[in-house]
C-alpha atoms as a PDB file:
ATOM      1  CA  MET A   1       0.000   0.000   0.000  1.00  0.00           C
ATOM      2  CA  LYS A   2       2.875   2.395   0.751  1.00  0.00           C
ATOM      3  CA  ASN A   3       4.213   1.869  -2.755  1.00  0.00           C
ATOM      4  CA  LYS A   4       0.854   2.784  -4.289  1.00  0.00           C
ATOM      5  CA  ILE A   5       0.575   5.955  -2.215  1.00  0.00           C
ATOM      6  CA  VAL A   6       4.130   7.077  -3.024  1.00  0.00           C
ATOM      7  CA  PHE A   7       3.530   6.252  -6.697  1.00  0.00           C
ATOM      8  CA  ALA A   8       0.318   8.314  -6.683  1.00  0.00           C
ATOM      9  CA  LEU A   9       2.051  11.276  -5.046  1.00  0.00           C
ATOM     10  CA  ILE A  10       4.966  11.295  -7.489  1.00  0.00           C
ATOM     11  CA  MET A  11       2.849  10.536 -10.555  1.00  0.00           C
ATOM     12  CA  GLY A  12       0.466  13.288  -9.514  1.00  0.00           C
ATOM     13  CA  ILE A  13       3.289  15.826  -9.304  1.00  0.00           C
ATOM     14  CA  VAL A  14       4.646  14.904 -12.716  1.00  0.00           C
ATOM     15  CA  THR A  15       1.380  14.625 -14.637  1.00  0.00           C
ATOM     16  CA  THR A  16      -0.354  17.661 -13.144  1.00  0.00           C
ATOM     17  CA  GLY A  17       2.807  19.705 -13.601  1.00  0.00           C
ATOM     18  CA  ILE A  18       3.150  18.844 -17.283  1.00  0.00           C
ATOM     19  CA  ILE A  19      -0.524  19.167 -18.120  1.00  0.00           C
ATOM     20  CA  SER A  20      -1.137  22.385 -16.192  1.00  0.00           C
ATOM     21  CA  PHE A  21       2.030  23.964 -17.636  1.00  0.00           C
ATOM     22  CA  THR A  22       0.976  23.100 -21.170  1.00  0.00           C
ATOM     23  CA  LEU A  23      -2.625  24.244 -20.808  1.00  0.00           C
ATOM     24  CA  ILE A  24      -1.738  27.506 -19.089  1.00  0.00           C
ATOM     25  CA  LEU A  25       0.881  28.197 -21.776  1.00  0.00           C
ATOM     26  CA  VAL A  26      -1.649  27.528 -24.547  1.00  0.00           C
ATOM     27  CA  ASN A  27      -4.449  29.526 -22.906  1.00  0.00           C
ATOM     28  CA  ILE A  28      -2.690  32.630 -21.568  1.00  0.00           C
ATOM     29  CA  GLY A  29       0.737  32.425 -23.153  1.00  0.00           C
ATOM     30  CA  PHE A  30       4.018  33.129 -21.454  1.00  0.00           C
ATOM     31  CA  ASN A  31       3.377  36.481 -19.756  1.00  0.00           C
ATOM     32  CA  GLU A  32       4.171  38.179 -16.456  1.00  0.00           C
ATOM     33  CA  ASN A  33       1.442  36.221 -14.613  1.00  0.00           C
ATOM     34  CA  PHE A  34       2.348  32.846 -16.092  1.00  0.00           C
ATOM     35  CA  PHE A  35       4.168  31.324 -13.109  1.00  0.00           C
ATOM     36  CA  LYS A  36       1.634  32.586 -10.575  1.00  0.00           C
ATOM     37  CA  VAL A  37      -1.311  31.207 -12.560  1.00  0.00           C
ATOM     38  CA  TRP A  38       0.566  27.982 -13.293  1.00  0.00           C
ATOM     39  CA  LEU A  39       1.501  27.310  -9.658  1.00  0.00           C
ATOM     40  CA  LEU A  40      -2.050  27.992  -8.468  1.00  0.00           C
ATOM     41  CA  SER A  41      -3.472  25.725 -11.177  1.00  0.00           C
ATOM     42  CA  TRP A  42      -0.870  23.053 -10.494  1.00  0.00           C
ATOM     43  CA  GLY A  43      -1.692  23.039  -6.787  1.00  0.00           C
ATOM     44  CA  MET A  44      -5.414  22.752  -7.401  1.00  0.00           C
ATOM     45  CA  ALA A  45      -4.931  19.988  -9.985  1.00  0.00           C
ATOM     46  CA  TYR A  46      -2.687  18.094  -7.570  1.00  0.00           C
ATOM     47  CA  LEU A  47      -5.300  18.224  -4.817  1.00  0.00           C
ATOM     48  CA  VAL A  48      -7.883  16.805  -7.211  1.00  0.00           C
ATOM     49  CA  VAL A  49      -5.743  14.125  -8.857  1.00  0.00           C
ATOM     50  CA  ILE A  50      -4.280  12.405  -5.780  1.00  0.00           C
ATOM     51  CA  PRO A  51      -7.624  11.180  -4.426  1.00  0.00           C
ATOM     52  CA  ALA A  52      -8.648  10.299  -7.978  1.00  0.00           C
ATOM     53  CA  ILE A  53      -5.533   8.169  -8.497  1.00  0.00           C
ATOM     54  CA  LEU A  54      -5.994   6.450  -5.143  1.00  0.00           C
ATOM     55  CA  ILE A  55      -9.734   5.842  -5.539  1.00  0.00           C
ATOM     56  CA  ILE A  56     -10.182   5.324  -9.275  1.00  0.00           C
ATOM     57  CA  GLY A  57      -6.784   3.747  -9.992  1.00  0.00           C
ATOM     58  CA  PRO A  58      -7.470   0.394  -8.301  1.00  0.00           C
ATOM     59  CA  ARG A  59     -10.825   0.085 -10.081  1.00  0.00           C
ATOM     60  CA  ILE A  60      -9.220   0.737 -13.443  1.00  0.00           C
ATOM     61  CA  GLN A  61      -6.451  -1.752 -12.633  1.00  0.00           C
ATOM     62  CA  SER A  62      -9.094  -4.389 -11.834  1.00  0.00           C
ATOM     63  CA  MET A  63     -10.877  -3.673 -15.109  1.00  0.00           C
ATOM     64  CA  VAL A  64      -7.634  -3.990 -17.061  1.00  0.00           C
ATOM     65  CA  ASP A  65      -6.741  -7.213 -15.246  1.00  0.00           C
ATOM     66  CA  GLU A  66     -10.163  -8.662 -16.030  1.00  0.00           C
ATOM     67  CA  LEU A  67     -10.026  -7.537 -19.655  1.00  0.00           C
ATOM     68  CA  LEU A  68      -6.602  -9.082 -20.174  1.00  0.00           C
ATOM     69  CA  ARG A  69      -7.584 -12.246 -18.315  1.00  0.00           C
ATOM     70  CA  LYS A  70     -10.593 -12.697 -20.635  1.00  0.00           C
ATOM     71  CA  LYS A  71      -8.481 -11.977 -23.697  1.00  0.00           C
ATOM     72  CA  THR A  72      -5.873 -14.611 -22.822  1.00  0.00           C
ATOM     73  CA  ASN A  73      -8.571 -17.232 -22.138  1.00  0.00           C
ATOM     74  CA  ILE A  74     -10.079 -16.933 -25.631  1.00  0.00           C
END
């Protein structure tokens, strides 16, 4: 369980950082407010994605496991 939590925390930092950076850059461009807007957006995205990874992730993993199990049994 510790591994899954640490994975979620690190994956959340990386993915929300990349996505929020890209979307803020596309939407407002690189201006004087860029880093302030980006850091605020990044923080909010991170707070949303961590519970999502921890709650939704196991369900998706189970679905993938089941899908692949059915596929190999055919």
